[in-house]
């Protein structure tokens, strides 16, 4: 199984996703600031995976602290948690995981430092293990929606690389494939960082799942030809009403799916649902650097002087979503996550 995040011998190991599909390299981290940089620079990406990595970043911060007691350690951890939280604004799993780590630290601050460090490590490992188990349960619920011989279109990467190691949207596809229901997966390339062509296609090859890569602009034409039975994507934050933020281009796919009467599903753990945000209008959208659009890899494809608007995510309205697949089952419009 693909394992993008591991804890071994007091170190966090992350599979560097920037190098895929050409090179598979695990990087070692012993300092929380380096983990924050890994999240910011997309060494690790995907909402659940970011949350897992941040939790272990807190563990590393606890190991770095020279505080003489648990009270001092908790005070030291606050700087690390603020730094980790500042890396990426849209994926709510990041803040959810940090809140869990903060809760454990504050609840056990009276413990000696070594014992508190162990508690924090246990919580980070629990977040990782729960994500893996939850994704498998999510996959089972979602696979029941996949018809025999299904041709599925997916956008961006919501697989093992974006989670603890199984996947949300690709977790559904994996499970359906194991049951013999998947004829083909259409993989959007997902400009501008190419998470579809670099990462999802890589996972499909690893798992032996039949797939074809298409340019993002080809999705509508493939649907018009009757070659898509359903769409499954992941999510980075889901508002209380079901509006969903996911990788830029997802909204366009949802509109195309509705026009062609193709069911459009979102697959995400319950930790991705943010009940504090009433609708997608309140979801913060990260804007990334212009060179992601002006360049493809090392090749410049637009003038350096050309201004760029590069939102990393967009928001799909709840009414375009046929169902939100979670580890507890499938929710339907109008959405109420109780």
Foldseek 3Di string as FASTA:
>chain_A
DDAQWDDDDQWIWGFQLLPFPVDTDIDTDLALLVLLVCDLVPRAAALARLLLSLLVSLLSQLVPDPDQFLVVSLVSSVVSLVSSCPRFQFQLSNVVSSVQLNVLSVVPSRDGSVVSSVSSVVSSVVSLVVFVVFQLLLLVQLLVVQAAQAEEEEEADQALRNHRGGGWLVNVVLVNVVVRRYNEYEFELAPLSRRRPGPVVSVCVVSVNHYDYDYLVCLLVCLVVVRHQAYEYEFRAAEQQGKTKDFPSVQVNLVSCVVSVHAYEYTYAPSRYDDVGHHPVPRDWDWDDPQSVQARVPGGNDDPPDDDTGTGIDIHGRVSHQWYGTSVHTAGPSGHDD
